[in-house]
C-alpha cells in the first residue's frame, strides 16, 4: 500500500507525475469493468448528461483539492477504510437504485475517474512539458 517507495509509478506520495500516471492507469483499468456489466446506452440522454456533468465536476474538484492537501488523500489505514466505504456505498446503491439508476451512477462514476485522471495528467505531465518547450 502506501509507504512503499518505488513500484511501477515511482514514489507516488512525493512525485505528482507518478501519481498522475497511476491515476491514468486506474482510469484505463476501471472503465471496462464499469461498462462491461452495465448497458449504458439505454440511459435517457438527459440523465446521462447530468450524470456525466456531475461526475466530471466532482472528479476535477477532487483532483484540484488533492493538490492543496499536505498529506496524500490515502495513506495507511485510510486506504482500508476507503475501500470498505466504497464497497458499502456500492452495495447500498445497488440495493436502493433501480436498474436505470445504476446505469446512470456507472456513467457518472466513469466520468469522475476519467476527469480526475485527465486533470492530473494535464497539470503534471502536459503543462510542464509545454512550458519547457516554450522556453
C-alpha atoms as a PDB file:
ATOM      1  CA  UNK A   1       0.000   0.000   0.000  1.00  0.00           C
ATOM      2  CA  UNK A   2       1.428   3.408   0.782  1.00  0.00           C
ATOM      3  CA  UNK A   3       4.808   3.680   2.371  1.00  0.00           C
ATOM      4  CA  UNK A   4       6.369   1.522  -0.325  1.00  0.00           C
ATOM      5  CA  UNK A   5       8.895   3.583  -2.222  1.00  0.00           C
ATOM      6  CA  UNK A   6       9.253   2.693  -5.845  1.00  0.00           C
ATOM      7  CA  UNK A   7       6.948   0.445  -7.798  1.00  0.00           C
ATOM      8  CA  UNK A   8       5.745   0.885 -11.334  1.00  0.00           C
ATOM      9  CA  UNK A   9       4.984   4.568 -10.972  1.00  0.00           C
ATOM     10  CA  UNK A  10       7.830   5.549  -8.647  1.00  0.00           C
ATOM     11  CA  UNK A  11       7.289   7.145  -5.263  1.00  0.00           C
ATOM     12  CA  UNK A  12       3.741   8.400  -5.861  1.00  0.00           C
ATOM     13  CA  UNK A  13       3.453  10.065  -2.458  1.00  0.00           C
ATOM     14  CA  UNK A  14       6.225  12.528  -3.263  1.00  0.00           C
ATOM     15  CA  UNK A  15       6.027  12.580  -7.053  1.00  0.00           C
ATOM     16  CA  UNK A  16       2.932  14.161  -8.623  1.00  0.00           C
ATOM     17  CA  UNK A  17       3.946  12.902 -12.078  1.00  0.00           C
ATOM     18  CA  UNK A  18       3.953   9.317 -10.832  1.00  0.00           C
ATOM     19  CA  UNK A  19       0.609   9.906  -9.136  1.00  0.00           C
ATOM     20  CA  UNK A  20      -0.827  11.256 -12.406  1.00  0.00           C
ATOM     21  CA  UNK A  21       0.355   8.164 -14.291  1.00  0.00           C
ATOM     22  CA  UNK A  22      -1.092   5.946 -11.586  1.00  0.00           C
ATOM     23  CA  UNK A  23      -4.475   7.693 -11.835  1.00  0.00           C
ATOM     24  CA  UNK A  24      -4.455   7.306 -15.623  1.00  0.00           C
ATOM     25  CA  UNK A  25      -3.760   3.592 -15.190  1.00  0.00           C
ATOM     26  CA  UNK A  26      -6.669   3.360 -12.728  1.00  0.00           C
ATOM     27  CA  UNK A  27      -8.935   5.105 -15.238  1.00  0.00           C
ATOM     28  CA  UNK A  28      -7.949   2.713 -18.025  1.00  0.00           C
ATOM     29  CA  UNK A  29      -8.427  -0.322 -15.801  1.00  0.00           C
ATOM     30  CA  UNK A  30     -11.770   0.590 -14.207  1.00  0.00           C
ATOM     31  CA  UNK A  31     -13.753   1.812 -17.198  1.00  0.00           C
ATOM     32  CA  UNK A  32     -14.084  -1.572 -18.934  1.00  0.00           C
ATOM     33  CA  UNK A  33     -15.132  -3.073 -15.618  1.00  0.00           C
ATOM     34  CA  UNK A  34     -17.867  -0.472 -15.124  1.00  0.00           C
ATOM     35  CA  UNK A  35     -19.131  -0.533 -18.700  1.00  0.00           C
ATOM     36  CA  UNK A  36     -18.999  -4.304 -19.226  1.00  0.00           C
ATOM     37  CA  UNK A  37     -21.783  -5.148 -16.819  1.00  0.00           C
ATOM     38  CA  UNK A  38     -23.966  -2.098 -17.341  1.00  0.00           C
ATOM     39  CA  UNK A  39     -25.683  -1.279 -20.625  1.00  0.00           C
ATOM     40  CA  UNK A  40     -25.093   2.460 -20.572  1.00  0.00           C
ATOM     41  CA  UNK A  41     -26.667   3.132 -23.955  1.00  0.00           C
ATOM     42  CA  UNK A  42     -30.149   2.563 -22.571  1.00  0.00           C
ATOM     43  CA  UNK A  43     -29.895   5.536 -20.192  1.00  0.00           C
ATOM     44  CA  UNK A  44     -32.032   8.524 -21.267  1.00  0.00           C
ATOM     45  CA  UNK A  45     -29.945  11.352 -22.727  1.00  0.00           C
ATOM     46  CA  UNK A  46     -30.958  13.892 -20.079  1.00  0.00           C
ATOM     47  CA  UNK A  47     -29.998  11.612 -17.207  1.00  0.00           C
ATOM     48  CA  UNK A  48     -26.757  10.648 -18.908  1.00  0.00           C
ATOM     49  CA  UNK A  49     -25.819  14.296 -19.407  1.00  0.00           C
ATOM     50  CA  UNK A  50     -26.476  15.140 -15.773  1.00  0.00           C
ATOM     51  CA  UNK A  51     -24.551  12.087 -14.558  1.00  0.00           C
ATOM     52  CA  UNK A  52     -21.544  12.822 -16.749  1.00  0.00           C
ATOM     53  CA  UNK A  53     -21.617  16.521 -15.833  1.00  0.00           C
ATOM     54  CA  UNK A  54     -21.794  15.902 -12.077  1.00  0.00           C
ATOM     55  CA  UNK A  55     -19.152  13.176 -12.287  1.00  0.00           C
ATOM     56  CA  UNK A  56     -16.807  15.400 -14.292  1.00  0.00           C
ATOM     57  CA  UNK A  57     -17.184  18.391 -11.954  1.00  0.00           C
ATOM     58  CA  UNK A  58     -16.615  16.211  -8.890  1.00  0.00           C
ATOM     59  CA  UNK A  59     -13.609  14.495 -10.494  1.00  0.00           C
ATOM     60  CA  UNK A  60     -11.980  17.814 -11.363  1.00  0.00           C
ATOM     61  CA  UNK A  61     -12.724  19.129  -7.865  1.00  0.00           C
ATOM     62  CA  UNK A  62     -11.145  16.143  -6.160  1.00  0.00           C
ATOM     63  CA  UNK A  63      -8.122  16.396  -8.437  1.00  0.00           C
ATOM     64  CA  UNK A  64      -7.635  20.078  -7.645  1.00  0.00           C
ATOM     65  CA  UNK A  65      -8.273  19.660  -3.902  1.00  0.00           C
ATOM     66  CA  UNK A  66      -5.788  16.804  -3.706  1.00  0.00           C
ATOM     67  CA  UNK A  67      -3.035  19.163  -4.812  1.00  0.00           C
ATOM     68  CA  UNK A  68      -3.581  21.505  -1.874  1.00  0.00           C
ATOM     69  CA  UNK A  69      -3.520  18.916   0.895  1.00  0.00           C
ATOM     70  CA  UNK A  70      -0.301  18.464   2.841  1.00  0.00           C
ATOM     71  CA  UNK A  71      -0.813  14.720   3.154  1.00  0.00           C
ATOM     72  CA  UNK A  72      -1.849  12.276   0.444  1.00  0.00           C
ATOM     73  CA  UNK A  73      -5.560  11.550   0.294  1.00  0.00           C
ATOM     74  CA  UNK A  74      -4.998   7.894   1.094  1.00  0.00           C
ATOM     75  CA  UNK A  75      -2.293   6.803   3.477  1.00  0.00           C
ATOM     76  CA  UNK A  76      -2.000   3.802   5.768  1.00  0.00           C
ATOM     77  CA  UNK A  77      -5.255   2.684   7.310  1.00  0.00           C
ATOM     78  CA  UNK A  78      -7.267   5.254   5.403  1.00  0.00           C
ATOM     79  CA  UNK A  79      -6.834   3.097   2.268  1.00  0.00           C
ATOM     80  CA  UNK A  80      -8.585   0.214   4.010  1.00  0.00           C
ATOM     81  CA  UNK A  81     -11.323   2.493   5.364  1.00  0.00           C
ATOM     82  CA  UNK A  82     -11.820   3.995   1.891  1.00  0.00           C
ATOM     83  CA  UNK A  83     -12.152   0.547   0.286  1.00  0.00           C
ATOM     84  CA  UNK A  84     -14.688  -0.541   2.907  1.00  0.00           C
ATOM     85  CA  UNK A  85     -16.651   2.709   2.465  1.00  0.00           C
ATOM     86  CA  UNK A  86     -16.666   2.338  -1.329  1.00  0.00           C
ATOM     87  CA  UNK A  87     -17.825  -1.264  -1.028  1.00  0.00           C
ATOM     88  CA  UNK A  88     -20.575  -0.374   1.446  1.00  0.00           C
ATOM     89  CA  UNK A  89     -21.767   2.548  -0.687  1.00  0.00           C
ATOM     90  CA  UNK A  90     -21.806   0.366  -3.795  1.00  0.00           C
ATOM     91  CA  UNK A  91     -23.871  -2.327  -2.076  1.00  0.00           C
ATOM     92  CA  UNK A  92     -26.270   0.296  -0.690  1.00  0.00           C
ATOM     93  CA  UNK A  93     -26.706   1.950  -4.090  1.00  0.00           C
ATOM     94  CA  UNK A  94     -27.208  -1.411  -5.779  1.00  0.00           C
ATOM     95  CA  UNK A  95     -29.942  -2.197  -3.278  1.00  0.00           C
ATOM     96  CA  UNK A  96     -31.630   1.229  -3.368  1.00  0.00           C
ATOM     97  CA  UNK A  97     -31.381   2.298  -7.020  1.00  0.00           C
ATOM     98  CA  UNK A  98     -33.351   0.908  -9.908  1.00  0.00           C
ATOM     99  CA  UNK A  99     -31.552  -0.642 -12.850  1.00  0.00           C
ATOM    100  CA  UNK A 100     -31.758   2.690 -14.686  1.00  0.00           C
ATOM    101  CA  UNK A 101     -30.285   4.461 -11.648  1.00  0.00           C
ATOM    102  CA  UNK A 102     -27.390   2.019 -11.514  1.00  0.00           C
ATOM    103  CA  UNK A 103     -26.591   2.650 -15.176  1.00  0.00           C
ATOM    104  CA  UNK A 104     -26.690   6.401 -14.548  1.00  0.00           C
ATOM    105  CA  UNK A 105     -24.452   6.042 -11.498  1.00  0.00           C
ATOM    106  CA  UNK A 106     -21.980   3.989 -13.564  1.00  0.00           C
ATOM    107  CA  UNK A 107     -21.785   6.757 -16.191  1.00  0.00           C
ATOM    108  CA  UNK A 108     -21.168   9.382 -13.510  1.00  0.00           C
ATOM    109  CA  UNK A 109     -18.501   7.200 -11.907  1.00  0.00           C
ATOM    110  CA  UNK A 110     -16.664   6.744 -15.189  1.00  0.00           C
ATOM    111  CA  UNK A 111     -16.778  10.498 -15.809  1.00  0.00           C
ATOM    112  CA  UNK A 112     -15.472  11.117 -12.274  1.00  0.00           C
ATOM    113  CA  UNK A 113     -12.499   8.762 -12.648  1.00  0.00           C
ATOM    114  CA  UNK A 114     -11.557   9.956 -16.130  1.00  0.00           C
ATOM    115  CA  UNK A 115     -11.859  13.666 -15.349  1.00  0.00           C
ATOM    116  CA  UNK A 116      -9.729  13.322 -12.220  1.00  0.00           C
ATOM    117  CA  UNK A 117      -7.090  11.359 -14.121  1.00  0.00           C
ATOM    118  CA  UNK A 118      -7.043  13.739 -17.095  1.00  0.00           C
ATOM    119  CA  UNK A 119      -6.779  16.797 -14.820  1.00  0.00           C
ATOM    120  CA  UNK A 120      -3.763  15.236 -13.086  1.00  0.00           C
ATOM    121  CA  UNK A 121      -2.143  14.318 -16.407  1.00  0.00           C
ATOM    122  CA  UNK A 122      -2.718  17.813 -17.797  1.00  0.00           C
ATOM    123  CA  UNK A 123      -1.302  19.562 -14.724  1.00  0.00           C
ATOM    124  CA  UNK A 124       1.675  17.341 -14.003  1.00  0.00           C
ATOM    125  CA  UNK A 125       2.668  15.938 -17.402  1.00  0.00           C
ATOM    126  CA  UNK A 126       1.399  18.085 -20.277  1.00  0.00           C
ATOM    127  CA  UNK A 127       1.641  21.634 -18.903  1.00  0.00           C
ATOM    128  CA  UNK A 128       5.238  21.276 -17.629  1.00  0.00           C
ATOM    129  CA  UNK A 129       6.255  19.809 -20.992  1.00  0.00           C
ATOM    130  CA  UNK A 130       4.575  22.671 -22.884  1.00  0.00           C
ATOM    131  CA  UNK A 131       6.234  25.214 -20.584  1.00  0.00           C
ATOM    132  CA  UNK A 132       9.629  23.593 -21.135  1.00  0.00           C
ATOM    133  CA  UNK A 133       9.133  23.560 -24.914  1.00  0.00           C
ATOM    134  CA  UNK A 134       8.209  27.230 -24.868  1.00  0.00           C
ATOM    135  CA  UNK A 135      11.480  28.188 -23.147  1.00  0.00           C
END
